[in-house]
Amino acid sequence: LLFFFFGAFRPGVLTALMVFFLSGKTTLMDVLSGIFFFGYIEGEIYISGYLFFLATFARISGYCEQIFFFSPQITIRESLLFFFFLRLPKEVTNQEKKIFFFFVMELVELNGLKDAFFFLPGINGLSTEQRNFFFIAVELVANPSIIFFFFPTSGLDARAAAIVFFFVRNTVNTGRTVVCFFFQPSIDIFEAFDEVFFFQLVETLQPCMYTYFFFFNLCLSSCSCF
């Protein structure tokens, strides 16, 4: 399905992958993350010129998606501490884990919610945007060099999406490589990207320069305000 698919993502650069429906985005993420529930992977995958090894790549990458699989009866702090001790190697001391824990909590501004529950019957839990902050923190606990965000603003209004994207930008500012999948981002979010990568039908669009201008010509010609 992913035939001759290539691209470059740089550290400290926020990259958007603009995808079309049935373009192979889920297949691409399944291949990179190694998370798939049926089928198999064959062929050759190279990263920075080296053959792809899932065990190695999984240690330096994170895959952030909006899947709620946490216990609603424990607090944000308890959940994150659990992931810290689960995902960080044994060589990292408990004191270092706690220091990094407070750094991540500060980065995604969850200190004010550290004692909050996800959800309790009859009591409002975290909002959708607050859950997204937590999902970002869960991936940061492993201290990855590369983070993939799978539609991070899905289901959010414009204000909430802008807040979530502010924390995505904070993640980029730490020097990490961040790649976000999007269908149709708002103009504010689109302008926040450093680089944009388009692909459709599981093959990269060629040539990219003409695709870029075609995209904007299409937008300008269809908008009455221009």
C-alpha atoms as a PDB file:
ATOM      1  CA  LEU A   1       0.000   0.000   0.000  1.00  0.00           C
ATOM      2  CA  LEU A   2       2.844   2.396   0.830  1.00  0.00           C
ATOM      3  CA  PHE A   3       4.778   2.381  -2.421  1.00  0.00           C
ATOM      4  CA  PHE A   4       7.927   4.522  -2.687  1.00  0.00           C
ATOM      5  CA  PHE A   5       6.803   6.771   0.138  1.00  0.00           C
ATOM      6  CA  PHE A   6       9.537   9.108   1.369  1.00  0.00           C
ATOM      7  CA  GLY A   7      10.042  12.355   3.266  1.00  0.00           C
ATOM      8  CA  ALA A   8      12.212  14.141   5.821  1.00  0.00           C
ATOM      9  CA  PHE A   9      11.272  15.388   9.289  1.00  0.00           C
ATOM     10  CA  ARG A  10      13.748  17.594  11.150  1.00  0.00           C
ATOM     11  CA  PRO A  11      14.249  18.120  14.900  1.00  0.00           C
ATOM     12  CA  GLY A  12      12.803  21.322  16.308  1.00  0.00           C
ATOM     13  CA  VAL A  13      10.516  21.655  13.278  1.00  0.00           C
ATOM     14  CA  LEU A  14       6.728  21.273  13.384  1.00  0.00           C
ATOM     15  CA  THR A  15       5.640  19.323  10.310  1.00  0.00           C
ATOM     16  CA  ALA A  16       2.085  18.714   9.118  1.00  0.00           C
ATOM     17  CA  LEU A  17       1.072  15.745   7.004  1.00  0.00           C
ATOM     18  CA  MET A  18      -1.976  16.856   5.044  1.00  0.00           C
ATOM     19  CA  VAL A  19      -3.802  13.701   4.100  1.00  0.00           C
ATOM     20  CA  PHE A  20      -6.833  12.757   2.054  1.00  0.00           C
ATOM     21  CA  PHE A  21      -9.501  10.202   2.841  1.00  0.00           C
ATOM     22  CA  LEU A  22      -8.294   6.620   2.281  1.00  0.00           C
ATOM     23  CA  SER A  23      -4.763   7.866   1.579  1.00  0.00           C
ATOM     24  CA  GLY A  24      -3.064   5.279   3.775  1.00  0.00           C
ATOM     25  CA  LYS A  25      -2.468   7.457   6.844  1.00  0.00           C
ATOM     26  CA  THR A  26      -3.440   4.739   9.321  1.00  0.00           C
ATOM     27  CA  THR A  27      -1.314   2.202   7.462  1.00  0.00           C
ATOM     28  CA  LEU A  28       1.652   4.575   7.593  1.00  0.00           C
ATOM     29  CA  MET A  29       1.283   5.088  11.336  1.00  0.00           C
ATOM     30  CA  ASP A  30       0.822   1.352  11.925  1.00  0.00           C
ATOM     31  CA  VAL A  31       4.076   0.689  10.079  1.00  0.00           C
ATOM     32  CA  LEU A  32       6.046   3.358  11.939  1.00  0.00           C
ATOM     33  CA  SER A  33       4.653   2.553  15.375  1.00  0.00           C
ATOM     34  CA  GLY A  34       4.443  -1.214  14.939  1.00  0.00           C
ATOM     35  CA  ILE A  35       0.917  -1.152  16.381  1.00  0.00           C
ATOM     36  CA  PHE A  36      -1.379  -3.208  14.184  1.00  0.00           C
ATOM     37  CA  PHE A  37      -3.971  -5.825  15.049  1.00  0.00           C
ATOM     38  CA  PHE A  38      -4.170  -7.829  11.835  1.00  0.00           C
ATOM     39  CA  GLY A  39      -2.152  -8.455   8.691  1.00  0.00           C
ATOM     40  CA  TYR A  40       1.595  -8.233   8.379  1.00  0.00           C
ATOM     41  CA  ILE A  41       4.312  -5.885   7.103  1.00  0.00           C
ATOM     42  CA  GLU A  42       6.705  -6.734   4.317  1.00  0.00           C
ATOM     43  CA  GLY A  43       9.093  -4.726   2.195  1.00  0.00           C
ATOM     44  CA  GLU A  44      11.926  -2.388   3.164  1.00  0.00           C
ATOM     45  CA  ILE A  45      11.783   0.681   5.383  1.00  0.00           C
ATOM     46  CA  TYR A  46      14.754   3.008   5.835  1.00  0.00           C
ATOM     47  CA  ILE A  47      15.195   5.831   8.343  1.00  0.00           C
ATOM     48  CA  SER A  48      18.148   8.202   7.846  1.00  0.00           C
ATOM     49  CA  GLY A  49      19.581   5.681   5.398  1.00  0.00           C
ATOM     50  CA  TYR A  50      19.482   2.792   7.860  1.00  0.00           C
ATOM     51  CA  LEU A  51      17.199  -0.213   7.762  1.00  0.00           C
ATOM     52  CA  PHE A  52      14.211   0.217  10.054  1.00  0.00           C
ATOM     53  CA  PHE A  53      14.195  -1.866  13.248  1.00  0.00           C
ATOM     54  CA  LEU A  54      10.979  -1.548  15.227  1.00  0.00           C
ATOM     55  CA  ALA A  55      12.553  -2.297  18.615  1.00  0.00           C
ATOM     56  CA  THR A  56      15.042   0.538  18.163  1.00  0.00           C
ATOM     57  CA  PHE A  57      12.609   3.025  16.652  1.00  0.00           C
ATOM     58  CA  ALA A  58       9.992   2.382  19.349  1.00  0.00           C
ATOM     59  CA  ARG A  59      12.439   3.529  22.026  1.00  0.00           C
ATOM     60  CA  ILE A  60      12.975   6.939  20.430  1.00  0.00           C
ATOM     61  CA  SER A  61       9.469   7.661  19.117  1.00  0.00           C
ATOM     62  CA  GLY A  62       6.025   8.331  20.545  1.00  0.00           C
ATOM     63  CA  TYR A  63       2.577   7.915  19.013  1.00  0.00           C
ATOM     64  CA  CYS A  64      -0.067  10.237  20.477  1.00  0.00           C
ATOM     65  CA  GLU A  65      -3.678   9.492  19.609  1.00  0.00           C
ATOM     66  CA  GLN A  66      -6.980  10.173  21.328  1.00  0.00           C
ATOM     67  CA  ILE A  67      -7.706   6.751  22.801  1.00  0.00           C
ATOM     68  CA  PHE A  68      -9.025   6.678  26.357  1.00  0.00           C
ATOM     69  CA  PHE A  69      -7.640   3.600  28.100  1.00  0.00           C
ATOM     70  CA  PHE A  70      -6.999   4.944  31.596  1.00  0.00           C
ATOM     71  CA  SER A  71      -8.731   4.120  34.842  1.00  0.00           C
ATOM     72  CA  PRO A  72     -11.224   6.846  35.815  1.00  0.00           C
ATOM     73  CA  GLN A  73     -10.666   6.164  39.524  1.00  0.00           C
ATOM     74  CA  ILE A  74      -7.060   7.396  39.713  1.00  0.00           C
ATOM     75  CA  THR A  75      -5.695  10.910  39.495  1.00  0.00           C
ATOM     76  CA  ILE A  76      -3.628  12.531  36.771  1.00  0.00           C
ATOM     77  CA  ARG A  77      -0.532  12.465  38.984  1.00  0.00           C
ATOM     78  CA  GLU A  78      -0.949   8.768  39.802  1.00  0.00           C
ATOM     79  CA  SER A  79      -1.466   7.869  36.147  1.00  0.00           C
ATOM     80  CA  LEU A  80       1.606   9.746  34.952  1.00  0.00           C
ATOM     81  CA  LEU A  81       3.799   8.390  37.735  1.00  0.00           C
ATOM     82  CA  PHE A  82       2.729   4.884  36.753  1.00  0.00           C
ATOM     83  CA  PHE A  83       3.770   5.521  33.149  1.00  0.00           C
ATOM     84  CA  PHE A  84       7.055   7.084  34.248  1.00  0.00           C
ATOM     85  CA  PHE A  85       8.086   3.997  36.194  1.00  0.00           C
ATOM     86  CA  LEU A  86       6.733   1.696  33.474  1.00  0.00           C
ATOM     87  CA  ARG A  87       8.305   3.260  30.394  1.00  0.00           C
ATOM     88  CA  LEU A  88      11.607   4.724  31.550  1.00  0.00           C
ATOM     89  CA  PRO A  89      14.562   2.300  31.707  1.00  0.00           C
ATOM     90  CA  LYS A  90      15.852   0.887  34.980  1.00  0.00           C
ATOM     91  CA  GLU A  91      19.086   2.824  34.549  1.00  0.00           C
ATOM     92  CA  VAL A  92      17.149   6.019  35.334  1.00  0.00           C
ATOM     93  CA  THR A  93      17.023   6.512  39.096  1.00  0.00           C
ATOM     94  CA  ASN A  94      13.781   7.196  40.954  1.00  0.00           C
ATOM     95  CA  GLN A  95      14.988  10.703  41.772  1.00  0.00           C
ATOM     96  CA  GLU A  96      15.662  11.434  38.085  1.00  0.00           C
ATOM     97  CA  LYS A  97      12.231  10.074  37.172  1.00  0.00           C
ATOM     98  CA  LYS A  98      10.559  12.395  39.665  1.00  0.00           C
ATOM     99  CA  ILE A  99      12.513  15.401  38.386  1.00  0.00           C
ATOM    100  CA  PHE A 100      11.509  14.614  34.806  1.00  0.00           C
ATOM    101  CA  PHE A 101       7.932  14.024  35.980  1.00  0.00           C
ATOM    102  CA  PHE A 102       7.673  17.575  37.341  1.00  0.00           C
ATOM    103  CA  PHE A 103       9.255  18.920  34.140  1.00  0.00           C
ATOM    104  CA  VAL A 104       6.595  17.229  31.979  1.00  0.00           C
ATOM    105  CA  MET A 105       3.779  18.378  34.279  1.00  0.00           C
ATOM    106  CA  GLU A 106       5.040  21.935  33.956  1.00  0.00           C
ATOM    107  CA  LEU A 107       5.500  21.671  30.189  1.00  0.00           C
ATOM    108  CA  VAL A 108       1.871  20.687  29.537  1.00  0.00           C
ATOM    109  CA  GLU A 109       0.578  22.787  32.456  1.00  0.00           C
ATOM    110  CA  LEU A 110      -1.099  19.937  34.323  1.00  0.00           C
ATOM    111  CA  ASN A 111       0.070  20.976  37.793  1.00  0.00           C
ATOM    112  CA  GLY A 112      -3.300  22.516  38.546  1.00  0.00           C
ATOM    113  CA  LEU A 113      -5.028  19.244  37.597  1.00  0.00           C
ATOM    114  CA  LYS A 114      -2.638  16.753  39.160  1.00  0.00           C
ATOM    115  CA  ASP A 115      -5.193  15.640  41.772  1.00  0.00           C
ATOM    116  CA  ALA A 116      -8.135  15.592  39.356  1.00  0.00           C
ATOM    117  CA  PHE A 117      -9.860  12.379  38.298  1.00  0.00           C
ATOM    118  CA  PHE A 118     -10.610  11.493  34.701  1.00  0.00           C
ATOM    119  CA  PHE A 119     -14.242  10.818  35.424  1.00  0.00           C
ATOM    120  CA  LEU A 120     -16.450  10.066  38.400  1.00  0.00           C
ATOM    121  CA  PRO A 121     -20.181   9.180  38.223  1.00  0.00           C
ATOM    122  CA  GLY A 122     -22.214  12.333  38.702  1.00  0.00           C
ATOM    123  CA  ILE A 123     -19.095  14.514  38.648  1.00  0.00           C
ATOM    124  CA  ASN A 124     -17.605  16.176  35.606  1.00  0.00           C
ATOM    125  CA  GLY A 125     -14.114  14.939  34.823  1.00  0.00           C
ATOM    126  CA  LEU A 126     -11.495  16.299  32.470  1.00  0.00           C
ATOM    127  CA  SER A 127     -12.599  18.150  29.378  1.00  0.00           C
ATOM    128  CA  THR A 128     -11.595  16.919  25.930  1.00  0.00           C
ATOM    129  CA  GLU A 129      -8.775  19.449  25.637  1.00  0.00           C
ATOM    130  CA  GLN A 130      -7.478  18.571  29.124  1.00  0.00           C
ATOM    131  CA  ARG A 131      -7.439  14.910  28.154  1.00  0.00           C
ATOM    132  CA  ASN A 132      -5.394  15.839  25.102  1.00  0.00           C
ATOM    133  CA  PHE A 133      -2.862  17.533  27.388  1.00  0.00           C
ATOM    134  CA  PHE A 134      -2.639  14.305  29.345  1.00  0.00           C
ATOM    135  CA  PHE A 135      -2.200  12.204  26.177  1.00  0.00           C
ATOM    136  CA  ILE A 136       0.728  14.454  25.210  1.00  0.00           C
ATOM    137  CA  ALA A 137       2.240  14.034  28.674  1.00  0.00           C
ATOM    138  CA  VAL A 138       1.912  10.229  28.472  1.00  0.00           C
ATOM    139  CA  GLU A 139       4.090  10.189  25.356  1.00  0.00           C
ATOM    140  CA  LEU A 140       6.581  12.652  26.802  1.00  0.00           C
ATOM    141  CA  VAL A 141       7.251  10.440  29.830  1.00  0.00           C
ATOM    142  CA  ALA A 142       9.324   8.099  27.648  1.00  0.00           C
ATOM    143  CA  ASN A 143      11.418  11.117  26.573  1.00  0.00           C
ATOM    144  CA  PRO A 144      11.088  10.362  22.828  1.00  0.00           C
ATOM    145  CA  SER A 145      13.027  12.206  20.143  1.00  0.00           C
ATOM    146  CA  ILE A 146      10.170  11.875  17.633  1.00  0.00           C
ATOM    147  CA  ILE A 147       6.448  12.283  18.347  1.00  0.00           C
ATOM    148  CA  PHE A 148       3.602  11.605  15.921  1.00  0.00           C
ATOM    149  CA  PHE A 149       0.273  13.301  16.651  1.00  0.00           C
ATOM    150  CA  PHE A 150      -2.712  11.619  15.035  1.00  0.00           C
ATOM    151  CA  PHE A 151      -5.278  14.434  14.514  1.00  0.00           C
ATOM    152  CA  PRO A 152      -4.562  16.182  17.855  1.00  0.00           C
ATOM    153  CA  THR A 153      -7.414  18.709  17.496  1.00  0.00           C
ATOM    154  CA  SER A 154     -10.126  16.262  16.446  1.00  0.00           C
ATOM    155  CA  GLY A 155     -13.447  16.933  18.175  1.00  0.00           C
ATOM    156  CA  LEU A 156     -12.350  20.321  19.552  1.00  0.00           C
ATOM    157  CA  ASP A 157     -13.704  23.777  18.851  1.00  0.00           C
ATOM    158  CA  ALA A 158     -11.422  26.530  17.552  1.00  0.00           C
ATOM    159  CA  ARG A 159     -10.467  27.825  21.003  1.00  0.00           C
ATOM    160  CA  ALA A 160      -9.699  24.395  22.467  1.00  0.00           C
ATOM    161  CA  ALA A 161      -7.781  23.390  19.322  1.00  0.00           C
ATOM    162  CA  ALA A 162      -5.620  26.517  19.596  1.00  0.00           C
ATOM    163  CA  ILE A 163      -4.831  25.725  23.249  1.00  0.00           C
ATOM    164  CA  VAL A 164      -3.895  22.125  22.465  1.00  0.00           C
ATOM    165  CA  PHE A 165      -1.728  23.272  19.601  1.00  0.00           C
ATOM    166  CA  PHE A 166       0.059  25.689  21.907  1.00  0.00           C
ATOM    167  CA  PHE A 167       1.276  22.683  23.902  1.00  0.00           C
ATOM    168  CA  VAL A 168       2.233  20.879  20.711  1.00  0.00           C
ATOM    169  CA  ARG A 169       4.409  23.879  19.873  1.00  0.00           C
ATOM    170  CA  ASN A 170       5.919  23.730  23.380  1.00  0.00           C
ATOM    171  CA  THR A 171       6.894  20.141  22.626  1.00  0.00           C
ATOM    172  CA  VAL A 172       8.612  21.242  19.404  1.00  0.00           C
ATOM    173  CA  ASN A 173      10.507  23.950  21.281  1.00  0.00           C
ATOM    174  CA  THR A 174      12.210  21.264  23.387  1.00  0.00           C
ATOM    175  CA  GLY A 175      14.094  20.196  20.237  1.00  0.00           C
ATOM    176  CA  ARG A 176      11.985  17.171  19.391  1.00  0.00           C
ATOM    177  CA  THR A 177      10.801  16.150  15.933  1.00  0.00           C
ATOM    178  CA  VAL A 178       7.010  16.541  15.823  1.00  0.00           C
ATOM    179  CA  VAL A 179       4.749  15.362  12.998  1.00  0.00           C
ATOM    180  CA  CYS A 180       0.991  16.018  12.995  1.00  0.00           C
ATOM    181  CA  PHE A 181      -1.624  14.374  10.792  1.00  0.00           C
ATOM    182  CA  PHE A 182      -4.410  16.674   9.622  1.00  0.00           C
ATOM    183  CA  PHE A 183      -7.314  16.680   7.187  1.00  0.00           C
ATOM    184  CA  GLN A 184      -8.364  20.344   7.123  1.00  0.00           C
ATOM    185  CA  PRO A 185      -6.750  22.476   9.846  1.00  0.00           C
ATOM    186  CA  SER A 186      -7.983  25.989  10.512  1.00  0.00           C
ATOM    187  CA  ILE A 187      -6.004  28.896   9.118  1.00  0.00           C
ATOM    188  CA  ASP A 188      -4.530  29.689  12.555  1.00  0.00           C
ATOM    189  CA  ILE A 189      -3.235  26.154  13.017  1.00  0.00           C
ATOM    190  CA  PHE A 190      -2.066  25.925   9.406  1.00  0.00           C
ATOM    191  CA  GLU A 191       0.052  29.054   9.826  1.00  0.00           C
ATOM    192  CA  ALA A 192       1.664  27.573  12.947  1.00  0.00           C
ATOM    193  CA  PHE A 193       3.349  24.793  10.970  1.00  0.00           C
ATOM    194  CA  ASP A 194       6.950  25.150   9.886  1.00  0.00           C
ATOM    195  CA  GLU A 195       6.648  22.638   7.043  1.00  0.00           C
ATOM    196  CA  VAL A 196       3.721  20.970   5.285  1.00  0.00           C
ATOM    197  CA  PHE A 197       3.852  17.611   3.537  1.00  0.00           C
ATOM    198  CA  PHE A 198       1.042  16.539   1.205  1.00  0.00           C
ATOM    199  CA  PHE A 199       0.261  13.037   0.049  1.00  0.00           C
ATOM    200  CA  GLN A 200      -2.654  11.168  -1.445  1.00  0.00           C
ATOM    201  CA  LEU A 201      -3.407   7.650  -2.663  1.00  0.00           C
ATOM    202  CA  VAL A 202      -0.491   6.372  -0.527  1.00  0.00           C
ATOM    203  CA  GLU A 203       2.062   8.040  -2.809  1.00  0.00           C
ATOM    204  CA  THR A 204       3.733  11.421  -2.382  1.00  0.00           C
ATOM    205  CA  LEU A 205       2.426  14.162  -4.617  1.00  0.00           C
ATOM    206  CA  GLN A 206       4.941  15.200  -7.256  1.00  0.00           C
ATOM    207  CA  PRO A 207       6.307  17.738  -7.781  1.00  0.00           C
ATOM    208  CA  CYS A 208       5.797  19.280  -4.336  1.00  0.00           C
ATOM    209  CA  MET A 209       6.272  22.897  -5.471  1.00  0.00           C
ATOM    210  CA  TYR A 210       3.458  22.694  -8.002  1.00  0.00           C
ATOM    211  CA  THR A 211       1.260  20.877  -5.506  1.00  0.00           C
ATOM    212  CA  TYR A 212       1.842  23.655  -2.986  1.00  0.00           C
ATOM    213  CA  PHE A 213       0.806  26.376  -5.417  1.00  0.00           C
ATOM    214  CA  PHE A 214      -2.103  24.323  -6.697  1.00  0.00           C
ATOM    215  CA  PHE A 215      -3.358  23.939  -3.130  1.00  0.00           C
ATOM    216  CA  PHE A 216      -3.303  27.674  -2.467  1.00  0.00           C
ATOM    217  CA  ASN A 217      -4.697  28.575  -5.877  1.00  0.00           C
ATOM    218  CA  LEU A 218      -7.574  26.236  -5.162  1.00  0.00           C
ATOM    219  CA  CYS A 219      -8.154  27.864  -1.760  1.00  0.00           C
ATOM    220  CA  LEU A 220      -7.983  31.394  -3.102  1.00  0.00           C
ATOM    221  CA  SER A 221     -10.273  30.743  -6.045  1.00  0.00           C
ATOM    222  CA  SER A 222     -12.922  29.124  -3.861  1.00  0.00           C
ATOM    223  CA  CYS A 223     -12.971  31.827  -1.166  1.00  0.00           C
ATOM    224  CA  SER A 224     -15.084  34.901  -1.833  1.00  0.00           C
ATOM    225  CA  CYS A 225     -13.024  37.086   0.518  1.00  0.00           C
ATOM    226  CA  PHE A 226     -10.061  37.187  -1.885  1.00  0.00           C
END
